[in-house]
Amino acid sequence: MDFLFVAAGGAIGAGLRYAAVLCVNAHIKTEFPLAVFAVNVAGAFAIGFAANVFAAHAALHQHRLFIVTGLLGGWTTFSTYALETVQLFQKGAAGLAVAYVIASNLLCFLFVLAGMFLSRLILSK
């Protein structure tokens, strides 16, 4: 049964990611992979927040599987990030590729911490 929670969340997350990437790419034209970058940063924040919420409520195991493993796993796109980084290098945009790696890693770690901090504030009330 756990598999179904993960699969359902993953399908929704992947669909939402696809829609977000289409939307950003339709409105913002840049060689920088902004859409995937934004999805990864938002996903990092959400996973930091959700991890703390579910750690405080262990009884919600299937909800955690649906949201963290499924929905957010389908939403975040680290493998796409890696591919796009390689593609930037292949296109000769090494500076852009390095900026993408540094900004993605720094902001995602910071947003995980921010999500955890915010969830602690909310849970402590």
Protein backbone atom coordinates (compact mmCIF):
# COMPACT_ATOMS: atom_id res chain seq x y z
CA MET A 1 0.00 0.00 0.00
CA ASP A 2 2.90 2.36 0.74
CA PHE A 3 3.97 2.08 -2.90
CA LEU A 4 0.64 3.53 -4.02
CA PHE A 5 1.07 6.59 -1.80
CA VAL A 6 4.53 7.20 -3.26
CA ALA A 7 3.38 6.55 -6.83
CA ALA A 8 0.35 8.84 -6.54
CA GLY A 9 2.40 11.64 -5.00
CA GLY A 10 5.14 11.17 -7.58
CA ALA A 11 2.71 11.39 -10.47
CA ILE A 12 1.24 14.62 -9.11
CA GLY A 13 4.67 16.09 -8.32
CA ALA A 14 6.04 15.27 -11.76
CA GLY A 15 2.98 16.77 -13.42
CA LEU A 16 3.28 19.93 -11.34
CA ARG A 17 7.00 20.18 -12.15
CA TYR A 18 6.28 19.84 -15.86
CA ALA A 19 3.61 22.55 -15.68
CA ALA A 20 5.90 24.87 -13.72
CA VAL A 21 8.77 24.42 -16.19
CA LEU A 22 6.46 25.08 -19.15
CA CYS A 23 5.08 28.18 -17.46
CA VAL A 24 8.46 29.67 -16.54
CA ASN A 25 10.00 28.86 -19.92
CA ALA A 26 7.03 30.44 -21.72
CA HIS A 27 7.45 33.70 -19.83
CA ILE A 28 11.20 33.99 -19.22
CA LYS A 29 13.73 33.47 -21.98
CA THR A 30 17.22 32.73 -20.67
CA GLU A 31 20.00 30.24 -21.29
CA PHE A 32 20.24 29.73 -17.52
CA PRO A 33 18.01 26.79 -16.52
CA LEU A 34 15.83 29.06 -14.38
CA ALA A 35 12.73 26.85 -14.34
CA VAL A 36 14.48 23.78 -12.92
CA PHE A 37 16.50 26.01 -10.59
CA ALA A 38 13.30 27.54 -9.18
CA VAL A 39 11.65 24.13 -8.83
CA ASN A 40 14.69 22.74 -6.97
CA VAL A 41 14.88 25.71 -4.59
CA ALA A 42 11.14 25.57 -3.87
CA GLY A 43 11.37 21.80 -3.42
CA ALA A 44 14.30 22.16 -1.04
CA PHE A 45 12.30 24.54 1.13
CA ALA A 46 9.22 22.32 1.03
CA ILE A 47 11.15 19.15 1.87
CA GLY A 48 12.87 20.86 4.79
CA PHE A 49 9.53 22.04 6.10
CA ALA A 50 7.76 18.72 5.57
CA ALA A 51 10.60 16.65 7.05
CA ASN A 52 10.26 18.50 10.34
CA VAL A 53 6.48 18.31 10.35
CA PHE A 54 6.49 14.56 9.77
CA ALA A 55 9.33 13.98 12.25
CA ALA A 56 7.08 15.57 14.87
CA HIS A 57 4.12 13.37 13.83
CA ALA A 58 5.48 9.87 13.19
CA ALA A 59 1.93 8.45 13.02
CA LEU A 60 1.48 10.14 9.65
CA HIS A 61 3.74 7.65 7.87
CA GLN A 62 1.61 7.31 4.72
CA HIS A 63 1.13 11.07 4.50
CA ARG A 64 4.93 11.43 4.66
CA LEU A 65 5.33 8.87 1.88
CA PHE A 66 2.80 10.68 -0.28
CA ILE A 67 4.16 14.20 0.28
CA VAL A 68 7.91 13.84 0.89
CA THR A 69 8.84 10.75 -1.10
CA GLY A 70 6.16 11.00 -3.79
CA LEU A 71 5.02 14.58 -4.35
CA LEU A 72 8.29 16.34 -3.53
CA GLY A 73 10.37 13.55 -5.06
CA GLY A 74 8.41 14.00 -8.28
CA TRP A 75 8.56 17.78 -8.01
CA THR A 76 12.29 18.23 -7.48
CA THR A 77 14.52 17.60 -10.41
CA PHE A 78 18.06 17.01 -9.29
CA SER A 79 18.74 14.61 -12.12
CA THR A 80 17.51 17.17 -14.61
CA TYR A 81 19.74 19.72 -12.89
CA ALA A 82 22.75 17.48 -13.40
CA LEU A 83 21.89 16.93 -17.06
CA GLU A 84 21.41 20.63 -17.72
CA THR A 85 24.74 21.39 -16.04
CA VAL A 86 26.51 18.95 -18.34
CA GLN A 87 24.68 20.41 -21.33
CA LEU A 88 25.82 23.92 -20.41
CA PHE A 89 29.41 22.68 -20.29
CA GLN A 90 28.92 20.93 -23.63
CA LYS A 91 27.61 24.18 -25.17
CA GLY A 92 30.74 25.99 -23.96
CA ALA A 93 28.93 27.93 -21.24
CA ALA A 94 31.26 26.82 -18.45
CA GLY A 95 30.81 30.01 -16.43
CA LEU A 96 27.04 29.65 -16.51
CA ALA A 97 27.33 25.97 -15.58
CA VAL A 98 29.56 26.74 -12.57
CA ALA A 99 27.22 29.56 -11.47
CA TYR A 100 24.27 27.18 -11.76
CA VAL A 101 25.96 24.50 -9.62
CA ILE A 102 27.07 26.95 -6.93
CA ALA A 103 23.76 28.82 -6.76
CA SER A 104 21.66 25.63 -6.81
CA ASN A 105 23.62 23.92 -4.06
CA LEU A 106 23.96 26.96 -1.83
CA LEU A 107 20.34 28.07 -2.09
CA CYS A 108 18.89 24.56 -1.77
CA PHE A 109 20.81 23.89 1.43
CA LEU A 110 19.84 27.29 2.80
CA PHE A 111 16.18 26.76 1.88
CA VAL A 112 16.11 23.32 3.55
CA LEU A 113 17.32 25.08 6.71
CA ALA A 114 14.75 27.86 6.23
CA GLY A 115 11.95 25.31 5.83
CA MET A 116 13.06 23.49 8.97
CA PHE A 117 13.29 26.76 10.89
CA LEU A 118 9.82 27.87 9.79
CA SER A 119 8.25 24.50 10.59
CA ARG A 120 9.83 24.58 14.08
CA LEU A 121 8.36 28.03 14.65
CA ILE A 122 4.92 26.86 13.57
CA LEU A 123 5.08 23.58 15.48
CA SER A 124 6.21 25.30 18.68
CA LYS A 125 3.02 27.38 18.87
